[in-house]
C-alpha atoms as a PDB file:
ATOM      1  CA  MET A   1     -23.888   4.439  -8.642  1.00  0.00           C
ATOM      2  CA  CYS A   2     -23.903   4.112 -12.737  1.00  0.00           C
ATOM      3  CA  ARG A   3     -24.166   1.127 -14.025  1.00  0.00           C
ATOM      4  CA  ASN A   4     -21.989   2.270 -16.876  1.00  0.00           C
ATOM      5  CA  ILE A   5     -18.653   3.321 -14.496  1.00  0.00           C
ATOM      6  CA  THR A   6     -16.435   0.413 -14.132  1.00  0.00           C
ATOM      7  CA  THR A   7     -13.751  -0.132 -11.336  1.00  0.00           C
ATOM      8  CA  LEU A   8     -10.308   1.734 -12.872  1.00  0.00           C
ATOM      9  CA  ARG A   9      -8.128   0.938  -9.341  1.00  0.00           C
ATOM     10  CA  GLY A  10      -5.928  -2.156  -9.905  1.00  0.00           C
ATOM     11  CA  LEU A  11      -6.518  -2.800 -13.881  1.00  0.00           C
ATOM     12  CA  GLU A  12      -3.661  -4.502 -15.754  1.00  0.00           C
ATOM     13  CA  PRO A  13      -2.093  -2.137 -17.562  1.00  0.00           C
ATOM     14  CA  ALA A  14      -3.449   0.970 -15.002  1.00  0.00           C
ATOM     15  CA  ALA A  15      -6.488   3.025 -16.073  1.00  0.00           C
ATOM     16  CA  THR A  16      -5.499   5.549 -19.120  1.00  0.00           C
ATOM     17  CA  SER A  17      -6.510   8.973 -19.122  1.00  0.00           C
ATOM     18  CA  ASP A  18      -9.050   8.478 -21.534  1.00  0.00           C
ATOM     19  CA  GLU A  19     -10.819   5.714 -19.223  1.00  0.00           C
ATOM     20  CA  ILE A  20     -10.508   7.693 -16.334  1.00  0.00           C
ATOM     21  CA  THR A  21     -11.922  10.797 -18.536  1.00  0.00           C
ATOM     22  CA  ALA A  22     -14.938   8.771 -19.655  1.00  0.00           C
ATOM     23  CA  ALA A  23     -15.851   7.278 -15.923  1.00  0.00           C
ATOM     24  CA  ALA A  24     -15.873  11.003 -14.878  1.00  0.00           C
ATOM     25  CA  LEU A  25     -18.386  11.852 -17.759  1.00  0.00           C
ATOM     26  CA  GLN A  26     -20.351   9.091 -17.005  1.00  0.00           C
ATOM     27  CA  PHE A  27     -20.878  10.119 -13.624  1.00  0.00           C
ATOM     28  CA  VAL A  28     -21.099  13.906 -14.511  1.00  0.00           C
ATOM     29  CA  ARG A  29     -23.928  12.783 -17.191  1.00  0.00           C
ATOM     30  CA  LYS A  30     -26.137  10.723 -14.309  1.00  0.00           C
ATOM     31  CA  VAL A  31     -25.929  13.359 -11.624  1.00  0.00           C
ATOM     32  CA  THR A  32     -26.600  15.931 -14.051  1.00  0.00           C
ATOM     33  CA  GLY A  33     -29.342  14.365 -16.046  1.00  0.00           C
ATOM     34  CA  VAL A  34     -27.668  15.985 -19.420  1.00  0.00           C
ATOM     35  CA  THR A  35     -27.567  12.936 -21.695  1.00  0.00           C
ATOM     36  CA  LYS A  36     -26.533  14.603 -24.194  1.00  0.00           C
ATOM     37  CA  VAL A  37     -24.547  17.996 -24.225  1.00  0.00           C
ATOM     38  CA  SER A  38     -25.343  21.050 -26.299  1.00  0.00           C
ATOM     39  CA  ASP A  39     -24.196  24.557 -26.510  1.00  0.00           C
ATOM     40  CA  ALA A  40     -25.971  25.657 -23.194  1.00  0.00           C
ATOM     41  CA  THR A  41     -24.257  22.738 -21.193  1.00  0.00           C
ATOM     42  CA  ARG A  42     -21.015  22.051 -22.607  1.00  0.00           C
ATOM     43  CA  ASP A  43     -18.856  24.513 -20.692  1.00  0.00           C
ATOM     44  CA  PRO A  44     -20.047  23.260 -17.077  1.00  0.00           C
ATOM     45  CA  VAL A  45     -20.449  19.717 -18.313  1.00  0.00           C
ATOM     46  CA  GLU A  46     -16.645  19.691 -19.467  1.00  0.00           C
ATOM     47  CA  GLN A  47     -14.896  21.834 -16.285  1.00  0.00           C
ATOM     48  CA  ALA A  48     -16.879  19.369 -14.216  1.00  0.00           C
ATOM     49  CA  THR A  49     -15.695  16.564 -16.091  1.00  0.00           C
ATOM     50  CA  GLN A  50     -12.283  17.672 -15.754  1.00  0.00           C
ATOM     51  CA  GLU A  51     -12.144  18.217 -12.205  1.00  0.00           C
ATOM     52  CA  ILE A  52     -13.452  15.042 -11.642  1.00  0.00           C
ATOM     53  CA  ALA A  53     -11.245  13.061 -13.888  1.00  0.00           C
ATOM     54  CA  ASP A  54      -8.163  15.061 -12.173  1.00  0.00           C
ATOM     55  CA  ILE A  55      -9.566  13.929  -8.375  1.00  0.00           C
ATOM     56  CA  VAL A  56     -10.400  10.454  -9.613  1.00  0.00           C
ATOM     57  CA  THR A  57      -6.451  10.253 -10.824  1.00  0.00           C
ATOM     58  CA  ARG A  58      -5.141  11.482  -7.993  1.00  0.00           C
ATOM     59  CA  LEU A  59      -7.122   9.046  -5.784  1.00  0.00           C
ATOM     60  CA  LEU A  60      -6.056   6.004  -7.808  1.00  0.00           C
ATOM     61  CA  ASP A  61      -2.312   7.217  -7.314  1.00  0.00           C
ATOM     62  CA  ASP A  62      -2.919   7.763  -3.413  1.00  0.00           C
ATOM     63  CA  LEU A  63      -5.106   4.258  -3.200  1.00  0.00           C
ATOM     64  CA  PRO A  64      -3.103   1.078  -2.020  1.00  0.00           C
ATOM     65  CA  GLU A  65      -2.781  -1.820  -4.660  1.00  0.00           C
ATOM     66  CA  ARG A  66      -5.591  -4.166  -4.754  1.00  0.00           C
ATOM     67  CA  ARG A  67      -5.561  -7.687  -4.022  1.00  0.00           C
ATOM     68  CA  GLN A  68      -7.714  -9.043  -7.200  1.00  0.00           C
ATOM     69  CA  PRO A  69      -8.344  -6.674 -10.507  1.00  0.00           C
ATOM     70  CA  PRO A  70     -11.596  -5.900 -10.996  1.00  0.00           C
ATOM     71  CA  LYS A  71     -14.323  -8.152 -12.431  1.00  0.00           C
ATOM     72  CA  THR A  72     -15.302  -6.235 -14.950  1.00  0.00           C
ATOM     73  CA  VAL A  73     -14.003  -4.984 -18.209  1.00  0.00           C
ATOM     74  CA  PRO A  74     -13.676  -1.238 -18.618  1.00  0.00           C
ATOM     75  CA  PRO A  75     -15.851  -0.066 -21.842  1.00  0.00           C
ATOM     76  CA  LEU A  76     -13.051   1.064 -23.845  1.00  0.00           C
ATOM     77  CA  ARG A  77     -11.102  -1.778 -24.002  1.00  0.00           C
ATOM     78  CA  ARG A  78     -13.941  -3.763 -24.942  1.00  0.00           C
ATOM     79  CA  ALA A  79     -14.068  -4.780 -28.383  1.00  0.00           C
ATOM     80  CA  GLU A  80     -17.069  -3.846 -29.380  1.00  0.00           C
ATOM     81  CA  VAL A  81     -17.123  -0.585 -27.837  1.00  0.00           C
ATOM     82  CA  GLN A  82     -13.983   0.057 -30.027  1.00  0.00           C
ATOM     83  CA  ALA A  83     -16.298  -0.594 -33.363  1.00  0.00           C
ATOM     84  CA  ARG A  84     -18.871   1.373 -32.103  1.00  0.00           C
ATOM     85  CA  ILE A  85     -16.920   4.208 -31.602  1.00  0.00           C
ATOM     86  CA  ALA A  86     -14.666   3.213 -34.963  1.00  0.00           C
ATOM     87  CA  GLN A  87     -18.087   3.543 -36.548  1.00  0.00           C
ATOM     88  CA  ARG A  88     -19.081   6.774 -34.916  1.00  0.00           C
ATOM     89  CA  ILE A  89     -15.772   8.583 -35.975  1.00  0.00           C
ATOM     90  CA  LYS A  90     -15.864   7.429 -39.776  1.00  0.00           C
ATOM     91  CA  GLU A  91     -19.625   8.883 -39.833  1.00  0.00           C
ATOM     92  CA  ARG A  92     -18.678  11.831 -38.153  1.00  0.00           C
ATOM     93  CA  GLU A  93     -15.592  12.030 -40.866  1.00  0.00           C
ATOM     94  CA  GLU A  94     -17.919  11.162 -43.693  1.00  0.00           C
ATOM     95  CA  HIS A  95     -20.344  13.896 -42.550  1.00  0.00           C
ATOM     96  CA  GLU A  96     -18.018  16.378 -42.692  1.00  0.00           C
ATOM     97  CA  ARG A  97     -16.400  15.372 -45.747  1.00  0.00           C
ATOM     98  CA  MET A  98     -20.125  16.401 -47.302  1.00  0.00           C
ATOM     99  CA  HIS A  99     -20.071  19.629 -45.570  1.00  0.00           C
ATOM    100  CA  GLU A 100     -16.821  20.292 -47.001  1.00  0.00           C
ATOM    101  CA  LEU A 101     -17.798  19.284 -50.639  1.00  0.00           C
ATOM    102  CA  GLY A 102     -21.680  20.826 -50.419  1.00  0.00           C
ATOM    103  CA  ILE A 103     -23.491  17.691 -51.097  1.00  0.00           C
ATOM    104  CA  ALA A 104     -26.364  17.420 -50.256  1.00  0.00           C
ATOM    105  CA  HIS A 105     -27.512  15.060 -46.980  1.00  0.00           C
ATOM    106  CA  SER A 106     -29.398  14.772 -44.093  1.00  0.00           C
ATOM    107  CA  HIS A 107     -28.871  15.258 -40.454  1.00  0.00           C
END
């Protein structure tokens, strides 16, 4: 199993749709070997991710409660991961702003 996929069953509060989708995407990336989504892989990867997320959501709903919570914290609940995500969003917004203003920059 992909080491980046954490146990979502038994979390308090329950796993969010973003956490389930992130785990589904990690699974799809692992089994396909697609490390970066391109125009050629975007549609099939997104479709597979959504289908797997839907299945996992139903599965988590159908399983009985866990006796103990999972030992690991999902990535989207870790402060360092949230900081990296925020930094990427900030950089992407700045990059898009440069394009809008016609400012020369590197890619």
